[in-house]
């Protein structure tokens, strides 16, 4: 039996002592992109680029463990849009991030390789910790958030997201979570929610923390009770958590989706106000270069029809180019557009008159700091926010999983099994699980 098989068996048996006694293997399987393939999609439109061609499952060397770091045995991971970007080499190949990071120090040089092990979510078990780590020990069941910070400059000490050397693990660093073993900083680790399976626990990390900062935190929109919140892609990876936060916080979500099935998922979460943008035929762009303000007006009127005449206090933005002009228009006077991504394009256009003359604000929000991530994970552990896992793939099917996300044919989050041999494993608190099972499984099969 190989060391990885021994580790897996020890984890499945719940024997943390045995995990600590097994030496980590010298290599492991991980999902990678290759530096010599970055031009493979040259000349193709984004939607024609196929992650199945660029994502590989390779045997790679286990990285050296440095101070303040941990190696974790990854039982399950998940797909985020940054893995899609990595796989299609947009907006630029991530090897440029790794090369820049590698210049920082001899320890960071480990990340500058001709392959990139991707993935920014993970649930698993601590295998080893480096010098200076005292909070976590081998055998601890954990999830990992994706903020990698150095904190050697003063910039990040009020908010670690402002650190001058802040990076997203598995996107701007190597040795990510779509693998059998991952390398993290110890301050990325959080307790695994005991009532969830490995794959359920793996899927909230990035998107749950992002939605928390974007909506709940004072660093984001600082949502209050009664706020009307327009949520784009409300049944997707980010939007499904945003919808839950608005409902939990006493707000009023207006959920924008693209199909009747996605509308039903939002209603299953408890949302009552839903706009199916495809069914209602919204086309915010006349052509590649010109938007249609009349469509903004029709969209705003539809929102007011649903809310009893109120415009959104907050717009939860992440599609970017396709929707940003409509978002700025739709927000109420003095309202807030808070944006964390640009999945439909980075170059936004909007009519600034609606922003400046109506005293609206645009807030940029990027992932979350450790405290925000910890609070978001705590809400998962307490059964107040629930995972939105819809489907789980094997690690050798990661390319297909990424393609589903790339083409928006998924719901909620898409999980990936790494060391876990099958779904449904890892639950330690059956009572809490039973109390919330209908919400935990709401997205399954959607």
Protein backbone atom coordinates (compact mmCIF):
# COMPACT_ATOMS: atom_id res chain seq x y z
CA UNK A 1 0.00 0.00 0.00
CA UNK A 2 1.41 3.41 -1.00
CA UNK A 3 1.80 6.22 1.52
CA UNK A 4 -1.11 8.13 -0.02
CA UNK A 5 -3.30 5.05 0.28
CA UNK A 6 -2.22 4.68 3.92
CA UNK A 7 -3.05 8.33 4.54
CA UNK A 8 -6.46 7.97 2.91
CA UNK A 9 -7.27 4.85 4.93
CA UNK A 10 -6.26 6.57 8.17
CA UNK A 11 -8.46 9.57 7.35
CA UNK A 12 -11.42 7.40 6.40
CA UNK A 13 -11.08 5.49 9.68
CA UNK A 14 -10.90 8.74 11.67
CA UNK A 15 -7.50 7.84 13.12
CA UNK A 16 -5.72 11.20 13.40
CA UNK A 17 -2.83 9.61 15.26
CA UNK A 18 -2.16 7.32 12.33
CA UNK A 19 -2.16 10.27 9.95
CA UNK A 20 0.56 11.91 12.02
CA UNK A 21 2.70 8.78 11.93
CA UNK A 22 2.76 8.42 8.12
CA UNK A 23 5.51 10.22 6.25
CA UNK A 24 4.15 12.40 3.41
CA UNK A 25 4.87 10.90 -0.03
CA UNK A 26 7.56 12.29 -2.31
CA UNK A 27 4.99 12.95 -5.05
CA UNK A 28 1.25 13.20 -5.61
CA UNK A 29 -1.31 13.72 -8.38
CA UNK A 30 -2.47 17.24 -9.14
CA UNK A 31 -4.47 19.08 -11.79
CA UNK A 32 -2.06 21.22 -13.80
CA UNK A 33 -1.63 23.55 -16.71
CA UNK A 34 1.68 23.55 -18.62
CA UNK A 35 3.81 26.55 -19.49
CA UNK A 36 4.62 25.20 -22.95
CA UNK A 37 0.89 25.17 -23.86
CA UNK A 38 -0.07 28.77 -23.11
CA UNK A 39 -0.57 29.54 -26.80
CA UNK A 40 -2.70 26.49 -27.56
CA UNK A 41 -5.93 28.54 -27.84
CA UNK A 42 -4.46 31.48 -29.73
CA UNK A 43 -6.97 32.99 -32.16
CA UNK A 44 -10.03 31.38 -30.54
CA UNK A 45 -12.85 33.29 -28.89
CA UNK A 46 -13.06 32.74 -25.13
CA UNK A 47 -16.16 30.55 -25.31
CA UNK A 48 -14.45 28.26 -27.84
CA UNK A 49 -11.53 27.52 -25.51
CA UNK A 50 -11.88 24.08 -23.93
CA UNK A 51 -10.42 23.45 -20.44
CA UNK A 52 -10.47 19.71 -21.15
CA UNK A 53 -7.53 20.25 -23.50
CA UNK A 54 -5.39 22.33 -21.14
CA UNK A 55 -6.04 20.79 -17.72
CA UNK A 56 -3.93 17.70 -17.02
CA UNK A 57 -3.64 15.30 -14.09
CA UNK A 58 0.09 14.86 -13.46
CA UNK A 59 2.30 13.22 -10.87
CA UNK A 60 4.27 16.10 -9.33
CA UNK A 61 6.91 16.34 -6.56
CA UNK A 62 5.71 17.19 -3.06
CA UNK A 63 6.98 20.72 -2.29
CA UNK A 64 9.37 21.48 0.54
CA UNK A 65 7.54 22.62 3.68
CA UNK A 66 8.56 26.09 4.85
CA UNK A 67 8.07 28.12 8.04
CA UNK A 68 4.45 28.96 8.80
CA UNK A 69 3.16 26.48 6.24
CA UNK A 70 1.23 23.21 6.22
CA UNK A 71 0.83 20.25 3.90
CA UNK A 72 -2.72 18.98 3.75
CA UNK A 73 -4.12 15.75 2.35
CA UNK A 74 -6.94 17.01 0.12
CA UNK A 75 -10.07 14.88 0.24
CA UNK A 76 -12.10 17.18 -2.04
CA UNK A 77 -11.86 20.48 -3.86
CA UNK A 78 -14.09 22.62 -6.09
CA UNK A 79 -14.12 24.63 -9.31
CA UNK A 80 -13.98 28.42 -9.21
CA UNK A 81 -13.95 30.80 -12.13
CA UNK A 82 -10.26 31.53 -11.53
CA UNK A 83 -9.51 27.92 -12.52
CA UNK A 84 -11.45 28.53 -15.74
CA UNK A 85 -9.34 31.63 -16.39
CA UNK A 86 -6.17 29.66 -15.66
CA UNK A 87 -7.22 26.87 -18.01
CA UNK A 88 -7.91 29.18 -20.97
CA UNK A 89 -4.88 31.40 -20.23
CA UNK A 90 -6.96 34.56 -19.80
CA UNK A 91 -6.57 37.42 -19.19
CA UNK A 92 -2.94 36.27 -19.11
CA UNK A 93 -1.14 32.99 -18.37
CA UNK A 94 -0.80 32.43 -14.61
CA UNK A 95 2.88 31.52 -15.10
CA UNK A 96 3.52 35.27 -15.06
CA UNK A 97 2.11 35.36 -11.52
CA UNK A 98 4.29 32.42 -10.48
CA UNK A 99 7.41 33.97 -12.00
CA UNK A 100 6.80 37.27 -10.22
CA UNK A 101 6.18 35.47 -6.91
CA UNK A 102 9.32 33.41 -7.39
CA UNK A 103 11.44 36.57 -7.34
CA UNK A 104 10.26 37.43 -3.82
CA UNK A 105 12.45 35.02 -1.84
CA UNK A 106 14.24 31.66 -2.09
CA UNK A 107 11.20 30.01 -0.48
CA UNK A 108 8.80 31.62 -2.96
CA UNK A 109 11.04 30.40 -5.80
CA UNK A 110 9.47 26.92 -5.28
CA UNK A 111 6.31 28.23 -6.98
CA UNK A 112 8.00 29.26 -10.23
CA UNK A 113 7.72 26.01 -12.18
CA UNK A 114 6.88 24.98 -15.77
CA UNK A 115 3.62 23.50 -14.43
CA UNK A 116 0.96 25.06 -12.22
CA UNK A 117 -1.07 22.94 -9.78
CA UNK A 118 -4.36 24.83 -9.68
CA UNK A 119 -7.35 25.12 -7.38
CA UNK A 120 -8.43 27.59 -4.68
CA UNK A 121 -10.67 25.40 -2.48
CA UNK A 122 -9.88 22.35 -0.35
CA UNK A 123 -11.21 20.21 2.46
CA UNK A 124 -8.88 17.68 4.00
CA UNK A 125 -6.55 16.80 6.84
CA UNK A 126 -3.30 18.37 8.02
CA UNK A 127 -0.33 16.10 7.24
CA UNK A 128 2.62 18.19 8.44
CA UNK A 129 3.26 21.71 9.68
CA UNK A 130 6.38 23.79 9.23
CA UNK A 131 8.44 25.61 11.85
CA UNK A 132 6.53 28.21 13.84
CA UNK A 133 3.07 26.63 13.42
CA UNK A 134 1.44 25.92 16.77
CA UNK A 135 -2.34 26.21 16.20
CA UNK A 136 -2.70 23.26 13.84
CA UNK A 137 -1.36 19.72 14.09
CA UNK A 138 -1.31 16.58 11.91
CA UNK A 139 -4.69 14.89 11.87
CA UNK A 140 -6.77 18.08 12.15
CA UNK A 141 -9.71 18.16 9.74
CA UNK A 142 -9.66 21.50 7.94
CA UNK A 143 -10.84 23.62 5.06
CA UNK A 144 -8.56 26.16 3.40
CA UNK A 145 -9.42 29.68 2.33
CA UNK A 146 -7.46 31.08 -0.58
CA UNK A 147 -5.77 34.24 0.74
CA UNK A 148 -1.97 34.00 0.66
CA UNK A 149 -0.24 36.95 2.34
CA UNK A 150 3.30 37.75 3.45
CA UNK A 151 2.46 40.57 5.92
CA UNK A 152 6.01 41.92 5.97
CA UNK A 153 4.89 45.45 5.04
CA UNK A 154 2.52 47.64 7.11
CA UNK A 155 -0.08 47.81 4.33
CA UNK A 156 -2.02 44.71 5.31
CA UNK A 157 -2.14 45.01 9.07
CA UNK A 158 -5.57 46.69 9.19
CA UNK A 159 -6.93 44.51 6.41
CA UNK A 160 -4.81 41.68 5.02
CA UNK A 161 -6.45 42.08 1.61
CA UNK A 162 -4.47 45.32 1.32
CA UNK A 163 -1.13 43.58 1.87
CA UNK A 164 1.33 44.49 -0.87
CA UNK A 165 2.11 40.78 -1.35
CA UNK A 166 -1.45 39.47 -1.27
CA UNK A 167 -2.15 36.58 -3.66
CA UNK A 168 -4.89 34.06 -4.36
CA UNK A 169 -3.68 30.54 -3.57
CA UNK A 170 -3.88 28.12 -6.49
CA UNK A 171 -4.27 31.00 -8.96
CA UNK A 172 -1.38 33.37 -8.23
CA UNK A 173 0.55 30.70 -6.31
CA UNK A 174 1.37 27.07 -7.06
CA UNK A 175 0.47 23.83 -5.22
CA UNK A 176 -3.29 24.51 -5.18
CA UNK A 177 -6.24 22.48 -3.95
CA UNK A 178 -7.18 20.43 -7.03
CA UNK A 179 -4.73 17.75 -5.98
CA UNK A 180 -4.13 14.93 -3.52
CA UNK A 181 -1.81 17.13 -1.47
CA UNK A 182 -1.71 20.93 -1.20
CA UNK A 183 0.68 23.45 0.30
CA UNK A 184 -0.89 26.31 2.26
CA UNK A 185 0.08 28.90 4.80
CA UNK A 186 -1.14 27.93 8.26
CA UNK A 187 -3.24 31.11 8.41
CA UNK A 188 -5.31 29.79 5.52
CA UNK A 189 -6.67 26.94 7.64
CA UNK A 190 -10.09 26.80 9.31
CA UNK A 191 -11.98 23.96 11.02
CA UNK A 192 -13.97 21.72 8.69
CA UNK A 193 -17.72 21.98 9.42
CA UNK A 194 -18.41 18.65 11.08
CA UNK A 195 -21.87 18.08 9.61
CA UNK A 196 -20.71 18.24 5.99
CA UNK A 197 -19.16 15.70 3.66
CA UNK A 198 -15.71 16.38 2.26
CA UNK A 199 -17.08 17.62 -1.05
CA UNK A 200 -19.73 19.80 0.62
CA UNK A 201 -17.14 21.33 2.95
CA UNK A 202 -14.77 22.04 0.05
CA UNK A 203 -17.18 24.04 -2.08
CA UNK A 204 -18.04 27.18 -0.02
CA UNK A 205 -14.51 28.51 0.70
CA UNK A 206 -13.75 31.05 -2.00
CA UNK A 207 -17.28 32.09 -2.95
CA UNK A 208 -18.73 32.10 0.57
CA UNK A 209 -15.95 34.32 1.91
CA UNK A 210 -16.14 36.57 -1.15
CA UNK A 211 -19.90 37.06 -0.75
CA UNK A 212 -19.48 37.72 2.99
CA UNK A 213 -16.97 40.53 2.45
CA UNK A 214 -18.84 41.92 -0.53
CA UNK A 215 -22.19 42.21 1.26
CA UNK A 216 -21.85 41.85 5.03
CA UNK A 217 -18.44 43.25 5.94
CA UNK A 218 -17.71 46.91 6.59
CA UNK A 219 -15.06 46.49 3.89
CA UNK A 220 -17.86 45.84 1.41
CA UNK A 221 -21.44 47.09 1.15
CA UNK A 222 -22.13 46.82 4.93
CA UNK A 223 -25.66 45.55 4.24
CA UNK A 224 -28.37 46.36 6.79
CA UNK A 225 -31.84 44.96 7.48
CA UNK A 226 -34.38 45.92 4.86
CA UNK A 227 -31.86 46.62 2.09
CA UNK A 228 -33.04 45.71 -1.40
CA UNK A 229 -30.15 43.82 -3.03
CA UNK A 230 -30.01 43.07 -6.75
CA UNK A 231 -28.06 39.82 -7.25
CA UNK A 232 -26.75 38.87 -10.68
CA UNK A 233 -26.38 35.13 -11.29
CA UNK A 234 -28.26 34.43 -8.08
CA UNK A 235 -28.20 30.64 -8.40
CA UNK A 236 -24.51 30.45 -9.32
CA UNK A 237 -21.40 29.92 -7.26
CA UNK A 238 -21.25 33.47 -5.87
CA UNK A 239 -24.88 34.43 -6.18
CA UNK A 240 -26.21 31.43 -4.26
CA UNK A 241 -24.27 32.55 -1.18
CA UNK A 242 -25.17 36.21 -1.71
CA UNK A 243 -28.85 35.24 -1.76
CA UNK A 244 -28.46 33.40 1.54
CA UNK A 245 -26.65 36.33 3.18
CA UNK A 246 -29.31 38.82 2.09
CA UNK A 247 -32.09 36.61 3.45
CA UNK A 248 -30.24 35.87 6.70
CA UNK A 249 -29.46 39.56 7.20
CA UNK A 250 -33.04 40.72 6.85
CA UNK A 251 -32.58 42.08 3.34
CA UNK A 252 -34.75 41.71 0.25
CA UNK A 253 -33.00 39.88 -2.60
CA UNK A 254 -33.95 40.52 -6.20
CA UNK A 255 -32.49 37.50 -7.96
CA UNK A 256 -31.46 37.68 -11.61
CA UNK A 257 -31.12 34.28 -13.32
CA UNK A 258 -31.07 32.85 -16.82
CA UNK A 259 -33.58 29.98 -16.76
CA UNK A 260 -36.77 28.75 -15.04
CA UNK A 261 -34.76 26.00 -13.29
CA UNK A 262 -32.41 28.58 -11.79
CA UNK A 263 -35.39 30.69 -10.74
CA UNK A 264 -36.81 27.71 -8.85
CA UNK A 265 -33.53 27.23 -7.00
CA UNK A 266 -33.65 30.83 -5.81
CA UNK A 267 -37.21 30.35 -4.62
CA UNK A 268 -36.05 27.19 -2.83
CA UNK A 269 -33.52 29.34 -0.95
CA UNK A 270 -36.41 31.56 0.17
CA UNK A 271 -36.21 34.40 -2.36
CA UNK A 272 -39.52 35.69 -3.68
CA UNK A 273 -38.45 38.30 -6.25
CA UNK A 274 -36.86 36.69 -9.30
CA UNK A 275 -36.12 37.98 -12.82
CA UNK A 276 -35.40 35.47 -15.60
CA UNK A 277 -33.37 37.74 -17.88
CA UNK A 278 -33.56 35.33 -20.83
CA UNK A 279 -37.31 34.80 -20.59
CA UNK A 280 -37.85 38.56 -20.36
CA UNK A 281 -35.43 39.19 -23.20
CA UNK A 282 -33.06 41.76 -21.70
CA UNK A 283 -30.31 42.78 -24.13
CA UNK A 284 -28.21 45.52 -22.59
CA UNK A 285 -25.92 45.78 -25.65
CA UNK A 286 -27.16 46.73 -29.12
CA UNK A 287 -23.90 45.50 -30.59
CA UNK A 288 -20.29 44.99 -29.51
CA UNK A 289 -19.72 48.71 -28.94
CA UNK A 290 -23.04 50.28 -27.91
CA UNK A 291 -25.29 49.70 -24.92
CA UNK A 292 -29.06 50.25 -24.94
CA UNK A 293 -30.20 52.66 -22.17
CA UNK A 294 -33.82 51.82 -22.95
CA UNK A 295 -33.11 48.29 -21.75
CA UNK A 296 -31.62 49.69 -18.53
CA UNK A 297 -34.86 51.62 -18.06
CA UNK A 298 -37.03 48.57 -18.76
CA UNK A 299 -34.93 46.55 -16.32
CA UNK A 300 -35.18 49.24 -13.62
CA UNK A 301 -38.95 49.41 -14.09
CA UNK A 302 -39.19 45.63 -13.66
CA UNK A 303 -37.24 45.80 -10.40
CA UNK A 304 -39.55 48.53 -9.07
CA UNK A 305 -42.57 46.48 -10.13
CA UNK A 306 -41.32 43.58 -7.99
CA UNK A 307 -40.27 45.67 -4.98
CA UNK A 308 -43.28 47.96 -4.79
CA UNK A 309 -41.48 50.94 -6.27
CA UNK A 310 -38.04 50.64 -4.65
CA UNK A 311 -34.68 50.67 -6.42
CA UNK A 312 -31.84 48.46 -5.13
CA UNK A 313 -29.83 49.80 -2.18
CA UNK A 314 -27.02 47.43 -3.23
CA UNK A 315 -26.16 45.77 -6.53
CA UNK A 316 -24.10 42.57 -6.15
CA UNK A 317 -21.93 42.72 -9.28
CA UNK A 318 -19.64 40.08 -10.77
CA UNK A 319 -20.54 39.54 -14.48
CA UNK A 320 -18.78 42.81 -15.38
CA UNK A 321 -18.92 44.16 -18.90
CA UNK A 322 -22.28 42.67 -19.87
CA UNK A 323 -24.20 44.03 -16.88
CA UNK A 324 -22.24 46.89 -15.32
CA UNK A 325 -23.99 49.71 -17.17
CA UNK A 326 -27.37 48.33 -16.09
CA UNK A 327 -26.11 47.93 -12.50
CA UNK A 328 -25.00 51.57 -12.21
CA UNK A 329 -28.32 52.71 -13.66
CA UNK A 330 -30.46 50.43 -11.45
CA UNK A 331 -28.93 51.30 -8.06
CA UNK A 332 -30.99 53.80 -6.07
CA UNK A 333 -29.90 57.38 -5.47
CA UNK A 334 -27.07 57.10 -2.95
CA UNK A 335 -26.90 53.35 -3.53
CA UNK A 336 -23.91 51.06 -3.89
CA UNK A 337 -22.60 48.84 -6.67
CA UNK A 338 -20.13 46.37 -5.17
CA UNK A 339 -18.08 44.34 -7.64
CA UNK A 340 -15.74 41.39 -7.18
CA UNK A 341 -15.23 40.03 -10.69
CA UNK A 342 -15.74 40.50 -14.42
CA UNK A 343 -16.59 37.09 -15.83
CA UNK A 344 -18.06 38.58 -19.03
CA UNK A 345 -15.21 41.04 -19.60
CA UNK A 346 -12.99 43.47 -17.70
CA UNK A 347 -13.57 46.70 -19.66
CA UNK A 348 -16.76 48.15 -18.19
CA UNK A 349 -18.83 50.95 -19.70
CA UNK A 350 -21.47 52.94 -17.88
CA UNK A 351 -23.10 56.35 -18.05
CA UNK A 352 -21.32 58.37 -15.38
CA UNK A 353 -24.23 60.81 -15.05
CA UNK A 354 -26.19 58.14 -13.21
CA UNK A 355 -23.26 57.65 -10.84
CA UNK A 356 -22.14 61.19 -10.04
CA UNK A 357 -25.45 63.07 -10.22
CA UNK A 358 -27.21 60.46 -8.07
CA UNK A 359 -24.35 60.14 -5.55
CA UNK A 360 -23.92 56.41 -6.07
CA UNK A 361 -20.79 54.49 -5.09
CA UNK A 362 -18.79 51.72 -6.75
CA UNK A 363 -16.85 49.52 -4.33
CA UNK A 364 -14.22 47.02 -5.42
CA UNK A 365 -14.21 43.86 -3.30
CA UNK A 366 -11.66 41.06 -3.68
CA UNK A 367 -12.00 37.77 -1.79
CA UNK A 368 -11.78 38.30 2.01
CA UNK A 369 -9.32 38.60 4.85
CA UNK A 370 -8.72 35.79 7.34
CA UNK A 371 -11.20 37.18 9.88
CA UNK A 372 -13.94 37.54 7.27
CA UNK A 373 -13.23 34.05 5.93
CA UNK A 374 -13.30 32.64 9.47
CA UNK A 375 -16.67 34.29 10.18
CA UNK A 376 -18.10 33.03 6.88
CA UNK A 377 -16.91 29.50 7.68
CA UNK A 378 -18.34 29.78 11.22
CA UNK A 379 -21.77 30.49 9.72
CA UNK A 380 -21.44 27.33 7.60
CA UNK A 381 -20.43 25.32 10.68
CA UNK A 382 -23.44 26.62 12.62
CA UNK A 383 -25.86 25.67 9.83
CA UNK A 384 -26.84 29.28 9.12
CA UNK A 385 -25.35 29.31 5.61
CA UNK A 386 -25.35 26.14 3.53
CA UNK A 387 -23.16 24.71 0.76
CA UNK A 388 -24.61 24.96 -2.73
CA UNK A 389 -22.99 21.87 -4.22
CA UNK A 390 -24.84 20.64 -7.30
CA UNK A 391 -22.53 18.01 -8.75
CA UNK A 392 -19.23 16.30 -7.96
CA UNK A 393 -16.62 15.02 -10.43
CA UNK A 394 -13.59 12.78 -10.07
CA UNK A 395 -10.22 14.50 -10.28
CA UNK A 396 -9.54 13.10 -13.74
CA UNK A 397 -12.79 14.78 -14.88
CA UNK A 398 -11.73 18.26 -13.74
CA UNK A 399 -11.51 19.50 -17.32
CA UNK A 400 -15.18 18.70 -17.86
CA UNK A 401 -16.10 20.32 -14.54
CA UNK A 402 -14.26 23.49 -15.55
CA UNK A 403 -15.96 23.45 -18.96
CA UNK A 404 -19.38 23.33 -17.26
CA UNK A 405 -18.50 26.43 -15.26
CA UNK A 406 -16.97 28.14 -18.32
CA UNK A 407 -20.19 27.65 -20.29
CA UNK A 408 -22.49 28.42 -17.34
CA UNK A 409 -24.33 25.11 -17.56
CA UNK A 410 -23.82 24.46 -13.84
CA UNK A 411 -25.78 25.49 -10.76
CA UNK A 412 -24.24 26.60 -7.48
CA UNK A 413 -20.81 25.03 -7.01
CA UNK A 414 -19.18 22.08 -8.76
CA UNK A 415 -17.08 19.80 -6.55
CA UNK A 416 -14.11 17.54 -7.30
CA UNK A 417 -13.12 14.41 -5.37
CA UNK A 418 -9.37 14.19 -4.73
CA UNK A 419 -8.36 11.57 -2.15
CA UNK A 420 -11.95 10.81 -1.16
CA UNK A 421 -12.92 7.60 -3.00
CA UNK A 422 -16.61 8.49 -3.21
CA UNK A 423 -19.17 11.09 -2.21
CA UNK A 424 -20.86 11.18 1.19
CA UNK A 425 -17.83 10.65 3.44
CA UNK A 426 -16.45 12.78 6.27
CA UNK A 427 -19.62 13.59 8.25
CA UNK A 428 -18.90 13.76 12.01
CA UNK A 429 -22.08 15.47 13.28
CA UNK A 430 -25.13 13.58 12.02
CA UNK A 431 -27.59 15.48 14.24
CA UNK A 432 -26.78 18.90 12.79
CA UNK A 433 -26.74 17.43 9.31
CA UNK A 434 -30.18 15.91 9.71
CA UNK A 435 -31.59 19.24 10.93
CA UNK A 436 -30.47 21.01 7.73
CA UNK A 437 -30.41 18.21 5.17
CA UNK A 438 -33.02 19.72 2.86
CA UNK A 439 -31.02 22.95 2.55
CA UNK A 440 -27.67 21.18 2.25
CA UNK A 441 -28.94 19.11 -0.68
CA UNK A 442 -31.08 21.80 -2.35
CA UNK A 443 -28.79 22.15 -5.37
CA UNK A 444 -28.13 18.43 -5.91
CA UNK A 445 -29.05 17.27 -9.37
CA UNK A 446 -30.11 20.77 -10.41
